[in-house]
Amino acid sequence: SGVYLADIVRNDRHLGPVSPDEVLEELRTFLAAAQGKTVLVVAHRLSTIVEAHEILVMDAGRIVEEGSARDVVLAPHHPYTIGLLRSRADGALAKGTRLKTIPGSPPDLANRPPGCPFAPRCFLAEARCRVEVPPSVAVQPGHRAACWRTDAAEAAFQEDRAAVMADLPSRRGRIDPAKLGG
């Protein structure tokens, strides 16, 4: 499987299907040329953007977590962010091991349910989550999350952080937390 980048031109030709590593290399080249400029990269794979300075995680059209790449990847406080991080395998799974996925389907944005849109798929949801939309709160300076259970989410992630981090690819093997942006 590959990614089709219809709008990036290299050597006067459009790219066809490319691997995730080629996408990362293309992004690095582009970002190096854009020094001092703001660049917005929209991606569903958090592993694609871990070298960013800041990450905003959106679910159902709403920012649910934002902060430096380092804070969001190493200490996420929203269950959706944790789900995205847990669902990355990129060849690191042993044969026969099941990939962790985010259960259910995203909400119908035309008929939003009350409360947090992630609640029906959330492993930490409680009654309050299904009736009240959580506000975005500071979990530490420069790091915000919109969840009633930010502390429980962060604690749940820390329990299996080593396994999640081992599944995040980098250019040469695994991510070095010291090299995360932000």
C-alpha atoms as a PDB file:
ATOM      1  CA  SER A   1       0.000   0.000   0.000  1.00  0.00           C
ATOM      2  CA  GLY A   2       1.155   3.519  -0.599  1.00  0.00           C
ATOM      3  CA  VAL A   3       0.201   7.128  -0.301  1.00  0.00           C
ATOM      4  CA  TYR A   4      -0.636   9.240  -3.321  1.00  0.00           C
ATOM      5  CA  LEU A   5       0.659  12.782  -3.196  1.00  0.00           C
ATOM      6  CA  ALA A   6      -1.030  14.495  -6.121  1.00  0.00           C
ATOM      7  CA  ASP A   7       0.019  18.025  -5.222  1.00  0.00           C
ATOM      8  CA  ILE A   8       3.714  17.601  -4.521  1.00  0.00           C
ATOM      9  CA  VAL A   9       5.923  18.001  -7.550  1.00  0.00           C
ATOM     10  CA  ARG A  10       9.499  16.702  -7.628  1.00  0.00           C
ATOM     11  CA  ASN A  11      11.678  17.203 -10.716  1.00  0.00           C
ATOM     12  CA  ASP A  12       8.667  18.458 -12.716  1.00  0.00           C
ATOM     13  CA  ARG A  13       6.652  15.267 -12.227  1.00  0.00           C
ATOM     14  CA  HIS A  14       3.891  14.248  -9.852  1.00  0.00           C
ATOM     15  CA  LEU A  15       4.600  11.508  -7.390  1.00  0.00           C
ATOM     16  CA  GLY A  16       2.789   8.225  -7.699  1.00  0.00           C
ATOM     17  CA  PRO A  17       2.268   5.781  -4.840  1.00  0.00           C
ATOM     18  CA  VAL A  18       5.025   6.188  -2.266  1.00  0.00           C
ATOM     19  CA  SER A  19       5.947   4.577   1.029  1.00  0.00           C
ATOM     20  CA  PRO A  20       5.500   6.310   4.398  1.00  0.00           C
ATOM     21  CA  ASP A  21       9.306   6.681   4.591  1.00  0.00           C
ATOM     22  CA  GLU A  22       9.290   8.527   1.259  1.00  0.00           C
ATOM     23  CA  VAL A  23       6.520  10.799   2.538  1.00  0.00           C
ATOM     24  CA  LEU A  24       8.591  11.590   5.638  1.00  0.00           C
ATOM     25  CA  GLU A  25      11.676  12.306   3.531  1.00  0.00           C
ATOM     26  CA  GLU A  26       9.664  14.590   1.233  1.00  0.00           C
ATOM     27  CA  LEU A  27       8.265  16.416   4.271  1.00  0.00           C
ATOM     28  CA  ARG A  28      11.747  16.830   5.768  1.00  0.00           C
ATOM     29  CA  THR A  29      13.034  18.273   2.480  1.00  0.00           C
ATOM     30  CA  PHE A  30      10.079  20.631   2.231  1.00  0.00           C
ATOM     31  CA  LEU A  31      10.355  21.738   5.862  1.00  0.00           C
ATOM     32  CA  ALA A  32      14.095  22.374   5.538  1.00  0.00           C
ATOM     33  CA  ALA A  33      13.363  24.722   2.629  1.00  0.00           C
ATOM     34  CA  ALA A  34      10.575  26.421   4.599  1.00  0.00           C
ATOM     35  CA  GLN A  35      12.805  27.484   7.507  1.00  0.00           C
ATOM     36  CA  GLY A  36      11.231  30.333   9.452  1.00  0.00           C
ATOM     37  CA  LYS A  37       7.805  29.766   7.911  1.00  0.00           C
ATOM     38  CA  THR A  38       4.724  28.183   9.381  1.00  0.00           C
ATOM     39  CA  VAL A  39       3.776  24.916   7.733  1.00  0.00           C
ATOM     40  CA  LEU A  40       0.525  23.080   8.394  1.00  0.00           C
ATOM     41  CA  VAL A  41       0.652  19.325   7.855  1.00  0.00           C
ATOM     42  CA  VAL A  42      -2.606  17.389   8.123  1.00  0.00           C
ATOM     43  CA  ALA A  43      -2.056  13.709   8.835  1.00  0.00           C
ATOM     44  CA  HIS A  44      -3.854  10.815  10.455  1.00  0.00           C
ATOM     45  CA  ARG A  45      -0.566   9.070  11.236  1.00  0.00           C
ATOM     46  CA  LEU A  46       0.993  10.711  14.285  1.00  0.00           C
ATOM     47  CA  SER A  47       4.268   9.046  13.308  1.00  0.00           C
ATOM     48  CA  THR A  48       4.321  11.313  10.233  1.00  0.00           C
ATOM     49  CA  ILE A  49       4.347  14.488  12.295  1.00  0.00           C
ATOM     50  CA  VAL A  50       6.320  13.651  15.435  1.00  0.00           C
ATOM     51  CA  GLU A  51       9.120  15.966  14.299  1.00  0.00           C
ATOM     52  CA  ALA A  52       6.734  18.929  14.346  1.00  0.00           C
ATOM     53  CA  HIS A  53       7.069  21.645  16.960  1.00  0.00           C
ATOM     54  CA  GLU A  54       3.384  21.606  17.840  1.00  0.00           C
ATOM     55  CA  ILE A  55       0.640  19.025  17.349  1.00  0.00           C
ATOM     56  CA  LEU A  56      -3.100  19.637  17.386  1.00  0.00           C
ATOM     57  CA  VAL A  57      -5.199  16.470  17.536  1.00  0.00           C
ATOM     58  CA  MET A  58      -8.719  16.779  16.159  1.00  0.00           C
ATOM     59  CA  ASP A  59     -11.690  14.475  16.513  1.00  0.00           C
ATOM     60  CA  ALA A  60     -15.093  15.173  14.977  1.00  0.00           C
ATOM     61  CA  GLY A  61     -13.921  18.593  13.789  1.00  0.00           C
ATOM     62  CA  ARG A  62     -12.837  19.716  17.257  1.00  0.00           C
ATOM     63  CA  ILE A  63      -9.371  20.151  18.763  1.00  0.00           C
ATOM     64  CA  VAL A  64      -9.168  17.601  21.577  1.00  0.00           C
ATOM     65  CA  GLU A  65      -5.476  17.969  22.435  1.00  0.00           C
ATOM     66  CA  GLU A  66      -2.735  20.434  21.616  1.00  0.00           C
ATOM     67  CA  GLY A  67       0.801  21.025  22.722  1.00  0.00           C
ATOM     68  CA  SER A  68       4.400  20.490  21.775  1.00  0.00           C
ATOM     69  CA  ALA A  69       5.054  17.286  19.853  1.00  0.00           C
ATOM     70  CA  ARG A  70       7.097  16.096  22.807  1.00  0.00           C
ATOM     71  CA  ASP A  71       4.245  16.619  25.296  1.00  0.00           C
ATOM     72  CA  VAL A  72       1.490  15.210  23.085  1.00  0.00           C
ATOM     73  CA  VAL A  73       3.437  12.082  22.079  1.00  0.00           C
ATOM     74  CA  LEU A  74       5.117  11.331  25.413  1.00  0.00           C
ATOM     75  CA  ALA A  75       2.288  12.371  27.763  1.00  0.00           C
ATOM     76  CA  PRO A  76      -1.053  12.437  25.935  1.00  0.00           C
ATOM     77  CA  HIS A  77      -4.062  13.409  28.030  1.00  0.00           C
ATOM     78  CA  HIS A  78      -6.934  12.621  25.641  1.00  0.00           C
ATOM     79  CA  PRO A  79      -8.153   9.069  24.948  1.00  0.00           C
ATOM     80  CA  TYR A  80      -8.385   9.737  21.186  1.00  0.00           C
ATOM     81  CA  THR A  81      -4.712  10.782  21.048  1.00  0.00           C
ATOM     82  CA  ILE A  82      -3.845   7.644  23.010  1.00  0.00           C
ATOM     83  CA  GLY A  83      -5.897   5.561  20.574  1.00  0.00           C
ATOM     84  CA  LEU A  84      -4.010   7.037  17.616  1.00  0.00           C
ATOM     85  CA  LEU A  85      -0.664   6.312  19.264  1.00  0.00           C
ATOM     86  CA  ARG A  86      -1.668   2.767  20.221  1.00  0.00           C
ATOM     87  CA  SER A  87      -2.939   1.941  16.747  1.00  0.00           C
ATOM     88  CA  ARG A  88       0.424   2.422  15.038  1.00  0.00           C
ATOM     89  CA  ALA A  89       2.283  -0.760  14.261  1.00  0.00           C
ATOM     90  CA  ASP A  90       4.240  -0.173  11.044  1.00  0.00           C
ATOM     91  CA  GLY A  91       5.701  -3.659  10.927  1.00  0.00           C
ATOM     92  CA  ALA A  92       6.586  -3.836  14.619  1.00  0.00           C
ATOM     93  CA  LEU A  93       3.949  -6.441  15.456  1.00  0.00           C
ATOM     94  CA  ALA A  94       4.938 -10.034  15.977  1.00  0.00           C
ATOM     95  CA  LYS A  95       3.156 -12.472  13.675  1.00  0.00           C
ATOM     96  CA  GLY A  96      -0.273 -13.288  15.055  1.00  0.00           C
ATOM     97  CA  THR A  97      -0.450 -10.194  17.277  1.00  0.00           C
ATOM     98  CA  ARG A  98      -3.588  -8.101  16.833  1.00  0.00           C
ATOM     99  CA  LEU A  99      -3.307  -4.400  16.135  1.00  0.00           C
ATOM    100  CA  LYS A 100      -4.959  -2.200  18.760  1.00  0.00           C
ATOM    101  CA  THR A 101      -7.673  -0.156  17.137  1.00  0.00           C
ATOM    102  CA  ILE A 102     -10.093   2.554  18.161  1.00  0.00           C
ATOM    103  CA  PRO A 103     -13.432   0.741  18.464  1.00  0.00           C
ATOM    104  CA  GLY A 104     -16.628   1.863  16.766  1.00  0.00           C
ATOM    105  CA  SER A 105     -17.134   4.513  14.127  1.00  0.00           C
ATOM    106  CA  PRO A 106     -16.662   8.274  14.177  1.00  0.00           C
ATOM    107  CA  PRO A 107     -19.857  10.214  14.976  1.00  0.00           C
ATOM    108  CA  ASP A 108     -22.220  11.494  12.308  1.00  0.00           C
ATOM    109  CA  LEU A 109     -21.236  15.160  12.186  1.00  0.00           C
ATOM    110  CA  ALA A 110     -24.645  16.131  10.820  1.00  0.00           C
ATOM    111  CA  ASN A 111     -26.306  14.615  13.917  1.00  0.00           C
ATOM    112  CA  ARG A 112     -23.826  15.117  16.710  1.00  0.00           C
ATOM    113  CA  PRO A 113     -24.689  13.285  19.891  1.00  0.00           C
ATOM    114  CA  PRO A 114     -24.733  15.273  23.138  1.00  0.00           C
ATOM    115  CA  GLY A 115     -21.570  15.331  25.194  1.00  0.00           C
ATOM    116  CA  CYS A 116     -18.107  14.407  24.048  1.00  0.00           C
ATOM    117  CA  PRO A 117     -18.173  13.101  20.463  1.00  0.00           C
ATOM    118  CA  PHE A 118     -15.529  10.504  21.358  1.00  0.00           C
ATOM    119  CA  ALA A 119     -17.479   9.100  24.349  1.00  0.00           C
ATOM    120  CA  PRO A 120     -19.081   6.126  22.496  1.00  0.00           C
ATOM    121  CA  ARG A 121     -15.584   4.878  21.515  1.00  0.00           C
ATOM    122  CA  CYS A 122     -13.684   5.937  24.643  1.00  0.00           C
ATOM    123  CA  PHE A 123     -12.183   3.409  27.048  1.00  0.00           C
ATOM    124  CA  LEU A 124     -12.525   5.925  29.918  1.00  0.00           C
ATOM    125  CA  ALA A 125     -16.013   7.315  29.243  1.00  0.00           C
ATOM    126  CA  GLU A 126     -18.373   7.813  32.142  1.00  0.00           C
ATOM    127  CA  ALA A 127     -21.946   9.163  32.318  1.00  0.00           C
ATOM    128  CA  ARG A 128     -20.852  12.811  32.340  1.00  0.00           C
ATOM    129  CA  CYS A 129     -18.975  12.342  29.055  1.00  0.00           C
ATOM    130  CA  ARG A 130     -22.199  11.390  27.270  1.00  0.00           C
ATOM    131  CA  VAL A 131     -24.063  14.561  28.276  1.00  0.00           C
ATOM    132  CA  GLU A 132     -21.496  17.368  28.683  1.00  0.00           C
ATOM    133  CA  VAL A 133     -18.848  18.505  26.202  1.00  0.00           C
ATOM    134  CA  PRO A 134     -15.594  18.813  28.147  1.00  0.00           C
ATOM    135  CA  PRO A 135     -13.787  22.151  27.981  1.00  0.00           C
ATOM    136  CA  SER A 136     -10.177  22.390  26.880  1.00  0.00           C
ATOM    137  CA  VAL A 137      -8.071  22.562  30.036  1.00  0.00           C
ATOM    138  CA  ALA A 138      -4.378  23.148  30.634  1.00  0.00           C
ATOM    139  CA  VAL A 139      -2.780  19.871  31.726  1.00  0.00           C
ATOM    140  CA  GLN A 140       0.608  21.576  31.923  1.00  0.00           C
ATOM    141  CA  PRO A 141       1.943  24.862  30.530  1.00  0.00           C
ATOM    142  CA  GLY A 142       1.459  24.887  26.760  1.00  0.00           C
ATOM    143  CA  HIS A 143      -0.409  21.552  26.721  1.00  0.00           C
ATOM    144  CA  ARG A 144      -4.221  21.401  26.651  1.00  0.00           C
ATOM    145  CA  ALA A 145      -6.769  18.607  26.380  1.00  0.00           C
ATOM    146  CA  ALA A 146     -10.565  18.534  26.160  1.00  0.00           C
ATOM    147  CA  CYS A 147     -11.450  15.601  28.397  1.00  0.00           C
ATOM    148  CA  TRP A 148     -13.112  15.217  31.783  1.00  0.00           C
ATOM    149  CA  ARG A 149     -10.587  12.493  32.657  1.00  0.00           C
ATOM    150  CA  THR A 150      -7.239  13.922  31.575  1.00  0.00           C
ATOM    151  CA  ASP A 151      -5.367  12.497  34.581  1.00  0.00           C
ATOM    152  CA  ALA A 152      -6.818   8.990  34.089  1.00  0.00           C
ATOM    153  CA  ALA A 153      -6.016   9.147  30.360  1.00  0.00           C
ATOM    154  CA  GLU A 154      -2.402  10.130  30.954  1.00  0.00           C
ATOM    155  CA  ALA A 155      -2.008   7.436  33.635  1.00  0.00           C
ATOM    156  CA  ALA A 156      -3.456   4.791  31.278  1.00  0.00           C
ATOM    157  CA  PHE A 157      -1.011   5.788  28.561  1.00  0.00           C
ATOM    158  CA  GLN A 158       1.988   5.694  30.901  1.00  0.00           C
ATOM    159  CA  GLU A 159       1.102   2.097  31.830  1.00  0.00           C
ATOM    160  CA  ASP A 160       1.846   0.932  28.301  1.00  0.00           C
ATOM    161  CA  ARG A 161       4.058   3.777  27.041  1.00  0.00           C
ATOM    162  CA  ALA A 162       7.071   1.562  26.263  1.00  0.00           C
ATOM    163  CA  ALA A 163       5.020  -0.689  23.973  1.00  0.00           C
ATOM    164  CA  VAL A 164       3.406   2.278  22.210  1.00  0.00           C
ATOM    165  CA  MET A 165       6.715   4.083  21.697  1.00  0.00           C
ATOM    166  CA  ALA A 166       8.303   0.917  20.289  1.00  0.00           C
ATOM    167  CA  ASP A 167       5.607   0.865  17.594  1.00  0.00           C
ATOM    168  CA  LEU A 168       6.232   4.440  16.411  1.00  0.00           C
ATOM    169  CA  PRO A 169       8.633   4.433  13.460  1.00  0.00           C
ATOM    170  CA  SER A 170      11.313   6.978  12.783  1.00  0.00           C
ATOM    171  CA  ARG A 171      13.655   7.467   9.887  1.00  0.00           C
ATOM    172  CA  ARG A 172      16.245   5.081  11.299  1.00  0.00           C
ATOM    173  CA  GLY A 173      14.393   2.633  13.503  1.00  0.00           C
ATOM    174  CA  ARG A 174      12.450   3.799  16.530  1.00  0.00           C
ATOM    175  CA  ILE A 175      11.670   7.280  17.770  1.00  0.00           C
ATOM    176  CA  ASP A 176      14.209   8.844  20.062  1.00  0.00           C
ATOM    177  CA  PRO A 177      12.115  10.867  22.556  1.00  0.00           C
ATOM    178  CA  ALA A 178      15.010  13.305  22.909  1.00  0.00           C
ATOM    179  CA  LYS A 179      14.624  14.241  19.235  1.00  0.00           C
ATOM    180  CA  LEU A 180      10.912  14.983  19.309  1.00  0.00           C
ATOM    181  CA  GLY A 181      10.011  18.475  18.162  1.00  0.00           C
ATOM    182  CA  GLY A 182       8.835  21.138  20.572  1.00  0.00           C
END
